[in-house]
Amino acid sequence: QVQLVESGGGLVQSGGSLRISCAVSGLTLSSSIMDWYRQAPGKELEWVARIFEGDSVPTYSGSVQGRFTVSRDNAKNTLSLQMNSLKIEDTAVYYCWHFGLRGQGTQVTVSS
């Protein structure tokens, strides 16, 4: 049974950085495609980033390209999202995602 547990969210000022993580169980992260999604209040779910199995280059949405970096720690089976130069519009609940399965999410709030 696949379980995804996000953590690391919080309140950060605009321009700041935050790193969120997703503890993964029930699948081998190194051989899995994983995504990050987010949902802002009153808005639809938005895809943020994807990391592929192996050494393929991750992909990002245009709104976070150059600011966010997705990575994984295969030994810990943990997925991470490093978020730099945060903007108010990055405020959302962030979810790690594996083909329709997701965790409970972690709230990221960016203040002015």
PDB file of N, CA and C in Angstrom:
ATOM      1  N   GLN A   1       0.846  -1.192   0.000  1.00  0.00           N
ATOM      2  CA  GLN A   1       0.000   0.000   0.000  1.00  0.00           C
ATOM      3  C   GLN A   1       0.884   1.245   0.000  1.00  0.00           C
ATOM      4  N   VAL A   2       0.658   2.109  -0.967  1.00  0.00           N
ATOM      5  CA  VAL A   2       1.454   3.318  -1.089  1.00  0.00           C
ATOM      6  C   VAL A   2       0.952   4.370  -0.105  1.00  0.00           C
ATOM      7  N   GLN A   3       1.884   4.953   0.620  1.00  0.00           N
ATOM      8  CA  GLN A   3       1.547   6.062   1.522  1.00  0.00           C
ATOM      9  C   GLN A   3       2.482   7.222   1.263  1.00  0.00           C
ATOM     10  N   LEU A   4       1.909   8.412   1.244  1.00  0.00           N
ATOM     11  CA  LEU A   4       2.663   9.632   1.011  1.00  0.00           C
ATOM     12  C   LEU A   4       2.360  10.592   2.152  1.00  0.00           C
ATOM     13  N   VAL A   5       3.398  11.070   2.827  1.00  0.00           N
ATOM     14  CA  VAL A   5       3.202  11.954   3.972  1.00  0.00           C
ATOM     15  C   VAL A   5       4.065  13.199   3.789  1.00  0.00           C
ATOM     16  N   GLU A   6       3.400  14.319   3.522  1.00  0.00           N
ATOM     17  CA  GLU A   6       4.108  15.577   3.325  1.00  0.00           C
ATOM     18  C   GLU A   6       4.389  16.260   4.662  1.00  0.00           C
ATOM     19  N   SER A   7       5.450  17.052   4.678  1.00  0.00           N
ATOM     20  CA  SER A   7       5.807  17.820   5.863  1.00  0.00           C
ATOM     21  C   SER A   7       6.666  19.012   5.461  1.00  0.00           C
ATOM     22  N   GLY A   8       6.862  19.917   6.418  1.00  0.00           N
ATOM     23  CA  GLY A   8       7.782  21.019   6.211  1.00  0.00           C
ATOM     24  C   GLY A   8       7.154  22.335   5.811  1.00  0.00           C
ATOM     25  N   GLY A   9       5.854  22.353   5.651  1.00  0.00           N
ATOM     26  CA  GLY A   9       5.208  23.611   5.291  1.00  0.00           C
ATOM     27  C   GLY A   9       5.264  24.615   6.429  1.00  0.00           C
ATOM     28  N   GLY A  10       4.884  25.833   6.125  1.00  0.00           N
ATOM     29  CA  GLY A  10       4.881  26.873   7.147  1.00  0.00           C
ATOM     30  C   GLY A  10       4.666  28.240   6.556  1.00  0.00           C
ATOM     31  N   LEU A  11       4.951  29.236   7.378  1.00  0.00           N
ATOM     32  CA  LEU A  11       4.791  30.639   6.987  1.00  0.00           C
ATOM     33  C   LEU A  11       6.159  31.222   6.663  1.00  0.00           C
ATOM     34  N   VAL A  12       6.266  31.863   5.518  1.00  0.00           N
ATOM     35  CA  VAL A  12       7.533  32.461   5.108  1.00  0.00           C
ATOM     36  C   VAL A  12       7.252  33.791   4.421  1.00  0.00           C
ATOM     37  N   GLN A  13       8.183  34.701   4.535  1.00  0.00           N
ATOM     38  CA  GLN A  13       8.007  36.007   3.896  1.00  0.00           C
ATOM     39  C   GLN A  13       8.309  35.912   2.398  1.00  0.00           C
ATOM     40  N   SER A  14       7.705  36.799   1.672  1.00  0.00           N
ATOM     41  CA  SER A  14       7.961  36.888   0.243  1.00  0.00           C
ATOM     42  C   SER A  14       9.460  37.055  -0.006  1.00  0.00           C
ATOM     43  N   GLY A  15       9.963  36.289  -0.952  1.00  0.00           N
ATOM     44  CA  GLY A  15      11.382  36.306  -1.249  1.00  0.00           C
ATOM     45  C   GLY A  15      12.171  35.249  -0.494  1.00  0.00           C
ATOM     46  N   GLY A  16      11.551  34.632   0.466  1.00  0.00           N
ATOM     47  CA  GLY A  16      12.213  33.632   1.283  1.00  0.00           C
ATOM     48  C   GLY A  16      12.214  32.255   0.653  1.00  0.00           C
ATOM     49  N   SER A  17      12.713  31.305   1.435  1.00  0.00           N
ATOM     50  CA  SER A  17      12.846  29.929   0.962  1.00  0.00           C
ATOM     51  C   SER A  17      12.211  28.961   1.947  1.00  0.00           C
ATOM     52  N   LEU A  18      11.828  27.832   1.419  1.00  0.00           N
ATOM     53  CA  LEU A  18      11.244  26.773   2.235  1.00  0.00           C
ATOM     54  C   LEU A  18      11.474  25.455   1.523  1.00  0.00           C
ATOM     55  N   ARG A  19      11.688  24.428   2.312  1.00  0.00           N
ATOM     56  CA  ARG A  19      11.856  23.079   1.750  1.00  0.00           C
ATOM     57  C   ARG A  19      10.798  22.177   2.347  1.00  0.00           C
ATOM     58  N   ILE A  20      10.013  21.570   1.484  1.00  0.00           N
ATOM     59  CA  ILE A  20       9.007  20.627   1.941  1.00  0.00           C
ATOM     60  C   ILE A  20       9.403  19.229   1.490  1.00  0.00           C
ATOM     61  N   SER A  21       8.911  18.248   2.228  1.00  0.00           N
ATOM     62  CA  SER A  21       9.302  16.868   1.960  1.00  0.00           C
ATOM     63  C   SER A  21       8.089  15.958   1.919  1.00  0.00           C
ATOM     64  N   CYS A  22       8.314  14.784   1.368  1.00  0.00           N
ATOM     65  CA  CYS A  22       7.264  13.773   1.285  1.00  0.00           C
ATOM     66  C   CYS A  22       7.900  12.425   1.588  1.00  0.00           C
ATOM     67  N   ALA A  23       7.513  11.834   2.690  1.00  0.00           N
ATOM     68  CA  ALA A  23       7.980  10.494   3.030  1.00  0.00           C
ATOM     69  C   ALA A  23       7.130   9.482   2.273  1.00  0.00           C
ATOM     70  N   VAL A  24       7.806   8.632   1.537  1.00  0.00           N
ATOM     71  CA  VAL A  24       7.110   7.688   0.658  1.00  0.00           C
ATOM     72  C   VAL A  24       7.313   6.270   1.163  1.00  0.00           C
ATOM     73  N   SER A  25       6.243   5.522   1.219  1.00  0.00           N
ATOM     74  CA  SER A  25       6.331   4.107   1.555  1.00  0.00           C
ATOM     75  C   SER A  25       5.445   3.308   0.611  1.00  0.00           C
ATOM     76  N   GLY A  26       5.815   2.069   0.412  1.00  0.00           N
ATOM     77  CA  GLY A  26       5.019   1.219  -0.462  1.00  0.00           C
ATOM     78  C   GLY A  26       5.449   1.225  -1.909  1.00  0.00           C
ATOM     79  N   LEU A  27       6.453   2.022  -2.253  1.00  0.00           N
ATOM     80  CA  LEU A  27       7.019   1.995  -3.588  1.00  0.00           C
ATOM     81  C   LEU A  27       8.469   2.467  -3.518  1.00  0.00           C
ATOM     82  N   THR A  28       9.218   2.102  -4.543  1.00  0.00           N
ATOM     83  CA  THR A  28      10.630   2.465  -4.593  1.00  0.00           C
ATOM     84  C   THR A  28      10.778   3.771  -5.337  1.00  0.00           C
ATOM     85  N   LEU A  29      11.189   4.794  -4.602  1.00  0.00           N
ATOM     86  CA  LEU A  29      11.209   6.140  -5.157  1.00  0.00           C
ATOM     87  C   LEU A  29      12.131   6.256  -6.367  1.00  0.00           C
ATOM     88  N   SER A  30      13.239   5.565  -6.333  1.00  0.00           N
ATOM     89  CA  SER A  30      14.231   5.692  -7.401  1.00  0.00           C
ATOM     90  C   SER A  30      13.703   5.218  -8.753  1.00  0.00           C
ATOM     91  N   SER A  31      12.710   4.382  -8.737  1.00  0.00           N
ATOM     92  CA  SER A  31      12.161   3.852  -9.987  1.00  0.00           C
ATOM     93  C   SER A  31      10.730   4.324 -10.226  1.00  0.00           C
ATOM     94  N   SER A  32      10.370   5.454  -9.617  1.00  0.00           N
ATOM     95  CA  SER A  32       9.006   5.953  -9.720  1.00  0.00           C
ATOM     96  C   SER A  32       8.972   7.382 -10.234  1.00  0.00           C
ATOM     97  N   ILE A  33       7.956   7.686 -10.991  1.00  0.00           N
ATOM     98  CA  ILE A  33       7.677   9.053 -11.384  1.00  0.00           C
ATOM     99  C   ILE A  33       6.836   9.695 -10.284  1.00  0.00           C
ATOM    100  N   MET A  34       7.273  10.826  -9.812  1.00  0.00           N
ATOM    101  CA  MET A  34       6.575  11.521  -8.736  1.00  0.00           C
ATOM    102  C   MET A  34       6.328  12.968  -9.138  1.00  0.00           C
ATOM    103  N   ASP A  35       5.210  13.490  -8.684  1.00  0.00           N
ATOM    104  CA  ASP A  35       4.854  14.873  -8.964  1.00  0.00           C
ATOM    105  C   ASP A  35       4.618  15.647  -7.669  1.00  0.00           C
ATOM    106  N   TRP A  36       4.738  16.941  -7.796  1.00  0.00           N
ATOM    107  CA  TRP A  36       4.231  17.863  -6.775  1.00  0.00           C
ATOM    108  C   TRP A  36       3.087  18.646  -7.412  1.00  0.00           C
ATOM    109  N   TYR A  37       1.998  18.765  -6.670  1.00  0.00           N
ATOM    110  CA  TYR A  37       0.868  19.593  -7.062  1.00  0.00           C
ATOM    111  C   TYR A  37       0.617  20.591  -5.932  1.00  0.00           C
ATOM    112  N   ARG A  38      -0.150  21.602  -6.229  1.00  0.00           N
ATOM    113  CA  ARG A  38      -0.567  22.536  -5.190  1.00  0.00           C
ATOM    114  C   ARG A  38      -1.974  23.020  -5.467  1.00  0.00           C
ATOM    115  N   GLN A  39      -2.635  23.449  -4.408  1.00  0.00           N
ATOM    116  CA  GLN A  39      -3.979  24.009  -4.553  1.00  0.00           C
ATOM    117  C   GLN A  39      -4.106  25.229  -3.665  1.00  0.00           C
ATOM    118  N   ALA A  40      -4.292  26.360  -4.308  1.00  0.00           N
ATOM    119  CA  ALA A  40      -4.493  27.616  -3.590  1.00  0.00           C
ATOM    120  C   ALA A  40      -5.965  27.754  -3.237  1.00  0.00           C
ATOM    121  N   PRO A  41      -6.281  28.557  -2.223  1.00  0.00           N
ATOM    122  CA  PRO A  41      -7.681  28.742  -1.818  1.00  0.00           C
ATOM    123  C   PRO A  41      -8.547  29.209  -2.985  1.00  0.00           C
ATOM    124  N   GLY A  42      -9.616  28.489  -3.205  1.00  0.00           N
ATOM    125  CA  GLY A  42     -10.550  28.876  -4.248  1.00  0.00           C
ATOM    126  C   GLY A  42     -10.101  28.585  -5.665  1.00  0.00           C
ATOM    127  N   LYS A  43      -8.971  27.893  -5.792  1.00  0.00           N
ATOM    128  CA  LYS A  43      -8.450  27.608  -7.129  1.00  0.00           C
ATOM    129  C   LYS A  43      -8.351  26.113  -7.362  1.00  0.00           C
ATOM    130  N   GLU A  44      -8.171  25.767  -8.628  1.00  0.00           N
ATOM    131  CA  GLU A  44      -8.057  24.358  -8.977  1.00  0.00           C
ATOM    132  C   GLU A  44      -6.661  23.828  -8.651  1.00  0.00           C
ATOM    133  N   LEU A  45      -6.578  22.527  -8.614  1.00  0.00           N
ATOM    134  CA  LEU A  45      -5.298  21.875  -8.397  1.00  0.00           C
ATOM    135  C   LEU A  45      -4.353  22.229  -9.535  1.00  0.00           C
ATOM    136  N   GLU A  46      -3.116  22.537  -9.196  1.00  0.00           N
ATOM    137  CA  GLU A  46      -2.130  22.964 -10.186  1.00  0.00           C
ATOM    138  C   GLU A  46      -0.898  22.071 -10.107  1.00  0.00           C
ATOM    139  N   TRP A  47      -0.485  21.546 -11.237  1.00  0.00           N
ATOM    140  CA  TRP A  47       0.744  20.761 -11.289  1.00  0.00           C
ATOM    141  C   TRP A  47       1.944  21.687 -11.144  1.00  0.00           C
ATOM    142  N   VAL A  48       2.942  21.238 -10.356  1.00  0.00           N
ATOM    143  CA  VAL A  48       4.099  22.073 -10.060  1.00  0.00           C
ATOM    144  C   VAL A  48       5.382  21.501 -10.665  1.00  0.00           C
ATOM    145  N   ALA A  49       5.631  20.216 -10.410  1.00  0.00           N
ATOM    146  CA  ALA A  49       6.910  19.652 -10.847  1.00  0.00           C
ATOM    147  C   ALA A  49       6.800  18.142 -10.945  1.00  0.00           C
ATOM    148  N   ARG A  50       7.696  17.561 -11.732  1.00  0.00           N
ATOM    149  CA  ARG A  50       7.762  16.112 -11.890  1.00  0.00           C
ATOM    150  C   ARG A  50       9.221  15.676 -11.874  1.00  0.00           C
ATOM    151  N   ILE A  51       9.455  14.602 -11.145  1.00  0.00           N
ATOM    152  CA  ILE A  51      10.762  13.965 -11.186  1.00  0.00           C
ATOM    153  C   ILE A  51      10.571  12.552 -11.704  1.00  0.00           C
ATOM    154  N   PHE A  52      11.467  12.185 -12.618  1.00  0.00           N
ATOM    155  CA  PHE A  52      11.357  10.898 -13.272  1.00  0.00           C
ATOM    156  C   PHE A  52      12.257   9.878 -12.587  1.00  0.00           C
ATOM    157  N   GLU A  53      12.040   8.635 -12.952  1.00  0.00           N
ATOM    158  CA  GLU A  53      12.934   7.619 -12.448  1.00  0.00           C
ATOM    159  C   GLU A  53      14.314   7.788 -13.092  1.00  0.00           C
ATOM    160  N   GLY A  54      15.323   7.265 -12.460  1.00  0.00           N
ATOM    161  CA  GLY A  54      16.670   7.386 -12.996  1.00  0.00           C
ATOM    162  C   GLY A  54      17.190   8.814 -12.912  1.00  0.00           C
ATOM    163  N   ASP A  55      17.960   9.186 -13.919  1.00  0.00           N
ATOM    164  CA  ASP A  55      18.655  10.472 -13.902  1.00  0.00           C
ATOM    165  C   ASP A  55      18.061  11.495 -14.861  1.00  0.00           C
ATOM    166  N   SER A  56      16.851  11.270 -15.320  1.00  0.00           N
ATOM    167  CA  SER A  56      16.243  12.234 -16.229  1.00  0.00           C
ATOM    168  C   SER A  56      16.051  13.577 -15.549  1.00  0.00           C
ATOM    169  N   VAL A  57      16.096  14.622 -16.337  1.00  0.00           N
ATOM    170  CA  VAL A  57      15.959  15.981 -15.805  1.00  0.00           C
ATOM    171  C   VAL A  57      14.512  16.223 -15.390  1.00  0.00           C
ATOM    172  N   PRO A  58      14.285  16.750 -14.200  1.00  0.00           N
ATOM    173  CA  PRO A  58      12.911  17.058 -13.772  1.00  0.00           C
ATOM    174  C   PRO A  58      12.279  18.139 -14.656  1.00  0.00           C
ATOM    175  N   THR A  59      10.976  18.215 -14.608  1.00  0.00           N
ATOM    176  CA  THR A  59      10.265  19.261 -15.327  1.00  0.00           C
ATOM    177  C   THR A  59       9.443  20.090 -14.351  1.00  0.00           C
ATOM    178  N   TYR A  60       9.197  21.339 -14.731  1.00  0.00           N
ATOM    179  CA  TYR A  60       8.530  22.297 -13.849  1.00  0.00           C
ATOM    180  C   TYR A  60       7.489  23.095 -14.619  1.00  0.00           C
ATOM    181  N   SER A  61       6.491  23.556 -13.893  1.00  0.00           N
ATOM    182  CA  SER A  61       5.544  24.472 -14.507  1.00  0.00           C
ATOM    183  C   SER A  61       6.235  25.816 -14.728  1.00  0.00           C
ATOM    184  N   GLY A  62       5.708  26.566 -15.645  1.00  0.00           N
ATOM    185  CA  GLY A  62       6.308  27.849 -15.946  1.00  0.00           C
ATOM    186  C   GLY A  62       6.305  28.804 -14.768  1.00  0.00           C
ATOM    187  N   SER A  63       5.332  28.651 -13.887  1.00  0.00           N
ATOM    188  CA  SER A  63       5.204  29.568 -12.762  1.00  0.00           C
ATOM    189  C   SER A  63       6.266  29.357 -11.682  1.00  0.00           C
ATOM    190  N   VAL A  64       6.920  28.198 -11.696  1.00  0.00           N
ATOM    191  CA  VAL A  64       7.943  27.918 -10.674  1.00  0.00           C
ATOM    192  C   VAL A  64       9.315  27.635 -11.263  1.00  0.00           C
ATOM    193  N   GLN A  65       9.388  27.529 -12.587  1.00  0.00           N
ATOM    194  CA  GLN A  65      10.662  27.235 -13.247  1.00  0.00           C
ATOM    195  C   GLN A  65      11.723  28.233 -12.820  1.00  0.00           C
ATOM    196  N   GLY A  66      12.882  27.718 -12.413  1.00  0.00           N
ATOM    197  CA  GLY A  66      13.985  28.571 -11.994  1.00  0.00           C
ATOM    198  C   GLY A  66      13.959  28.937 -10.523  1.00  0.00           C
ATOM    199  N   ARG A  67      12.863  28.653  -9.847  1.00  0.00           N
ATOM    200  CA  ARG A  67      12.757  28.970  -8.420  1.00  0.00           C
ATOM    201  C   ARG A  67      12.628  27.717  -7.549  1.00  0.00           C
ATOM    202  N   PHE A  68      11.997  26.694  -8.082  1.00  0.00           N
ATOM    203  CA  PHE A  68      11.768  25.464  -7.333  1.00  0.00           C
ATOM    204  C   PHE A  68      12.653  24.350  -7.882  1.00  0.00           C
ATOM    205  N   THR A  69      13.055  23.458  -6.981  1.00  0.00           N
ATOM    206  CA  THR A  69      13.852  22.302  -7.380  1.00  0.00           C
ATOM    207  C   THR A  69      13.310  21.056  -6.689  1.00  0.00           C
ATOM    208  N   VAL A  70      12.973  20.063  -7.490  1.00  0.00           N
ATOM    209  CA  VAL A  70      12.495  18.794  -6.944  1.00  0.00           C
ATOM    210  C   VAL A  70      13.663  17.824  -6.896  1.00  0.00           C
ATOM    211  N   SER A  71      13.707  17.038  -5.830  1.00  0.00           N
ATOM    212  CA  SER A  71      14.783  16.061  -5.690  1.00  0.00           C
ATOM    213  C   SER A  71      14.280  14.889  -4.867  1.00  0.00           C
ATOM    214  N   ARG A  72      15.080  13.859  -4.810  1.00  0.00           N
ATOM    215  CA  ARG A  72      14.721  12.705  -3.984  1.00  0.00           C
ATOM    216  C   ARG A  72      15.967  12.152  -3.317  1.00  0.00           C
ATOM    217  N   ASP A  73      15.718  11.560  -2.156  1.00  0.00           N
ATOM    218  CA  ASP A  73      16.753  10.861  -1.410  1.00  0.00           C
ATOM    219  C   ASP A  73      16.359   9.392  -1.445  1.00  0.00           C
ATOM    220  N   ASN A  74      17.038   8.644  -2.291  1.00  0.00           N
ATOM    221  CA  ASN A  74      16.649   7.250  -2.489  1.00  0.00           C
ATOM    222  C   ASN A  74      16.863   6.411  -1.232  1.00  0.00           C
ATOM    223  N   ALA A  75      17.896   6.740  -0.474  1.00  0.00           N
ATOM    224  CA  ALA A  75      18.175   5.972   0.736  1.00  0.00           C
ATOM    225  C   ALA A  75      17.058   6.153   1.767  1.00  0.00           C
ATOM    226  N   LYS A  76      16.510   7.362   1.819  1.00  0.00           N
ATOM    227  CA  LYS A  76      15.445   7.646   2.783  1.00  0.00           C
ATOM    228  C   LYS A  76      14.058   7.505   2.169  1.00  0.00           C
ATOM    229  N   ASN A  77      14.022   7.252   0.850  1.00  0.00           N
ATOM    230  CA  ASN A  77      12.743   7.171   0.128  1.00  0.00           C
ATOM    231  C   ASN A  77      11.902   8.427   0.385  1.00  0.00           C
ATOM    232  N   THR A  78      12.550   9.557   0.255  1.00  0.00           N
ATOM    233  CA  THR A  78      11.917  10.841   0.525  1.00  0.00           C
ATOM    234  C   THR A  78      12.038  11.758  -0.684  1.00  0.00           C
ATOM    235  N   LEU A  79      10.931  12.392  -1.006  1.00  0.00           N
ATOM    236  CA  LEU A  79      10.856  13.372  -2.092  1.00  0.00           C
ATOM    237  C   LEU A  79      10.868  14.763  -1.475  1.00  0.00           C
ATOM    238  N   SER A  80      11.567  15.697  -2.089  1.00  0.00           N
ATOM    239  CA  SER A  80      11.624  17.053  -1.549  1.00  0.00           C
ATOM    240  C   SER A  80      11.348  18.091  -2.628  1.00  0.00           C
ATOM    241  N   LEU A  81      10.942  19.246  -2.170  1.00  0.00           N
ATOM    242  CA  LEU A  81      10.755  20.388  -3.071  1.00  0.00           C
ATOM    243  C   LEU A  81      11.374  21.604  -2.397  1.00  0.00           C
ATOM    244  N   GLN A  82      12.474  22.073  -2.953  1.00  0.00           N
ATOM    245  CA  GLN A  82      13.133  23.282  -2.464  1.00  0.00           C
ATOM    246  C   GLN A  82      12.515  24.469  -3.187  1.00  0.00           C
ATOM    247  N   MET A  83      11.984  25.401  -2.416  1.00  0.00           N
ATOM    248  CA  MET A  83      11.295  26.544  -2.999  1.00  0.00           C
ATOM    249  C   MET A  83      12.033  27.824  -2.620  1.00  0.00           C
ATOM    250  N   ASN A  84      12.542  28.510  -3.596  1.00  0.00           N
ATOM    251  CA  ASN A  84      13.272  29.760  -3.382  1.00  0.00           C
ATOM    252  C   ASN A  84      12.511  30.926  -4.006  1.00  0.00           C
ATOM    253  N   SER A  85      12.880  32.119  -3.599  1.00  0.00           N
ATOM    254  CA  SER A  85      12.255  33.341  -4.134  1.00  0.00           C
ATOM    255  C   SER A  85      10.736  33.229  -4.108  1.00  0.00           C
ATOM    256  N   LEU A  86      10.226  32.829  -2.975  1.00  0.00           N
ATOM    257  CA  LEU A  86       8.788  32.587  -2.871  1.00  0.00           C
ATOM    258  C   LEU A  86       7.985  33.857  -3.059  1.00  0.00           C
ATOM    259  N   LYS A  87       6.835  33.683  -3.679  1.00  0.00           N
ATOM    260  CA  LYS A  87       5.925  34.790  -3.940  1.00  0.00           C
ATOM    261  C   LYS A  87       4.611  34.517  -3.218  1.00  0.00           C
ATOM    262  N   ILE A  88       3.849  35.582  -3.027  1.00  0.00           N
ATOM    263  CA  ILE A  88       2.563  35.435  -2.353  1.00  0.00           C
ATOM    264  C   ILE A  88       1.679  34.435  -3.091  1.00  0.00           C
ATOM    265  N   GLU A  89       1.771  34.447  -4.402  1.00  0.00           N
ATOM    266  CA  GLU A  89       0.941  33.540  -5.199  1.00  0.00           C
ATOM    267  C   GLU A  89       1.377  32.081  -5.101  1.00  0.00           C
ATOM    268  N   ASP A  90       2.463  31.803  -4.406  1.00  0.00           N
ATOM    269  CA  ASP A  90       2.853  30.419  -4.151  1.00  0.00           C
ATOM    270  C   ASP A  90       2.110  29.832  -2.950  1.00  0.00           C
ATOM    271  N   THR A  91       1.363  30.666  -2.246  1.00  0.00           N
ATOM    272  CA  THR A  91       0.575  30.194  -1.107  1.00  0.00           C
ATOM    273  C   THR A  91      -0.413  29.138  -1.557  1.00  0.00           C
ATOM    274  N   ALA A  92      -0.340  27.963  -0.919  1.00  0.00           N
ATOM    275  CA  ALA A  92      -1.184  26.839  -1.327  1.00  0.00           C
ATOM    276  C   ALA A  92      -0.922  25.658  -0.399  1.00  0.00           C
ATOM    277  N   VAL A  93      -1.771  24.666  -0.520  1.00  0.00           N
ATOM    278  CA  VAL A  93      -1.478  23.355   0.061  1.00  0.00           C
ATOM    279  C   VAL A  93      -0.733  22.562  -1.004  1.00  0.00           C
ATOM    280  N   TYR A  94       0.404  22.021  -0.619  1.00  0.00           N
ATOM    281  CA  TYR A  94       1.250  21.281  -1.550  1.00  0.00           C
ATOM    282  C   TYR A  94       1.122  19.779  -1.285  1.00  0.00           C
ATOM    283  N   TYR A  95       0.996  19.033  -2.394  1.00  0.00           N
ATOM    284  CA  TYR A  95       0.813  17.593  -2.317  1.00  0.00           C
ATOM    285  C   TYR A  95       1.874  16.878  -3.140  1.00  0.00           C
ATOM    286  N   CYS A  96       2.441  15.814  -2.582  1.00  0.00           N
ATOM    287  CA  CYS A  96       3.190  14.930  -3.458  1.00  0.00           C
ATOM    288  C   CYS A  96       2.200  13.931  -4.033  1.00  0.00           C
ATOM    289  N   TRP A  97       2.539  13.454  -5.208  1.00  0.00           N
ATOM    290  CA  TRP A  97       1.536  12.786  -6.037  1.00  0.00           C
ATOM    291  C   TRP A  97       2.176  11.645  -6.793  1.00  0.00           C
ATOM    292  N   HIS A  98       1.483  10.516  -6.789  1.00  0.00           N
ATOM    293  CA  HIS A  98       1.942   9.377  -7.579  1.00  0.00           C
ATOM    294  C   HIS A  98       0.743   8.786  -8.290  1.00  0.00           C
ATOM    295  N   PHE A  99       0.562   9.155  -9.522  1.00  0.00           N
ATOM    296  CA  PHE A  99      -0.499   8.624 -10.364  1.00  0.00           C
ATOM    297  C   PHE A  99      -1.850   8.604  -9.651  1.00  0.00           C
ATOM    298  N   GLY A 100      -2.247   9.762  -9.169  1.00  0.00           N
ATOM    299  CA  GLY A 100      -3.551   9.902  -8.553  1.00  0.00           C
ATOM    300  C   GLY A 100      -3.579   9.695  -7.058  1.00  0.00           C
ATOM    301  N   LEU A 101      -2.522   9.151  -6.510  1.00  0.00           N
ATOM    302  CA  LEU A 101      -2.434   9.005  -5.060  1.00  0.00           C
ATOM    303  C   LEU A 101      -1.716  10.221  -4.492  1.00  0.00           C
ATOM    304  N   ARG A 102      -2.205  10.713  -3.387  1.00  0.00           N
ATOM    305  CA  ARG A 102      -1.565  11.862  -2.782  1.00  0.00           C
ATOM    306  C   ARG A 102      -1.643  11.773  -1.271  1.00  0.00           C
ATOM    307  N   GLY A 103      -0.820  12.597  -0.616  1.00  0.00           N
ATOM    308  CA  GLY A 103      -0.856  12.645   0.830  1.00  0.00           C
ATOM    309  C   GLY A 103      -1.888  13.649   1.312  1.00  0.00           C
ATOM    310  N   GLN A 104      -1.752  14.021   2.586  1.00  0.00           N
ATOM    311  CA  GLN A 104      -2.706  14.958   3.193  1.00  0.00           C
ATOM    312  C   GLN A 104      -2.363  16.407   2.858  1.00  0.00           C
ATOM    313  N   GLY A 105      -1.155  16.597   2.338  1.00  0.00           N
ATOM    314  CA  GLY A 105      -0.725  17.940   1.957  1.00  0.00           C
ATOM    315  C   GLY A 105      -0.050  18.685   3.092  1.00  0.00           C
ATOM    316  N   THR A 106       0.686  19.713   2.716  1.00  0.00           N
ATOM    317  CA  THR A 106       1.325  20.592   3.699  1.00  0.00           C
ATOM    318  C   THR A 106       1.104  22.029   3.263  1.00  0.00           C
ATOM    319  N   GLN A 107       0.699  22.863   4.209  1.00  0.00           N
ATOM    320  CA  GLN A 107       0.339  24.247   3.897  1.00  0.00           C
ATOM    321  C   GLN A 107       1.585  25.123   3.808  1.00  0.00           C
ATOM    322  N   VAL A 108       1.689  25.847   2.723  1.00  0.00           N
ATOM    323  CA  VAL A 108       2.740  26.851   2.551  1.00  0.00           C
ATOM    324  C   VAL A 108       2.052  28.201   2.415  1.00  0.00           C
ATOM    325  N   THR A 109       2.424  29.121   3.297  1.00  0.00           N
ATOM    326  CA  THR A 109       1.845  30.457   3.263  1.00  0.00           C
ATOM    327  C   THR A 109       2.962  31.475   3.113  1.00  0.00           C
ATOM    328  N   VAL A 110       2.865  32.292   2.094  1.00  0.00           N
ATOM    329  CA  VAL A 110       3.864  33.323   1.829  1.00  0.00           C
ATOM    330  C   VAL A 110       3.236  34.675   2.118  1.00  0.00           C
ATOM    331  N   SER A 111       3.871  35.419   3.019  1.00  0.00           N
ATOM    332  CA  SER A 111       3.334  36.721   3.418  1.00  0.00           C
ATOM    333  C   SER A 111       4.153  37.852   2.801  1.00  0.00           C
ATOM    334  N   SER A 112       3.553  39.013   2.745  1.00  0.00           N
ATOM    335  CA  SER A 112       4.244  40.178   2.167  1.00  0.00           C
ATOM    336  C   SER A 112       5.156  40.845   3.176  1.00  0.00           C
TER     337      SER A 112
END
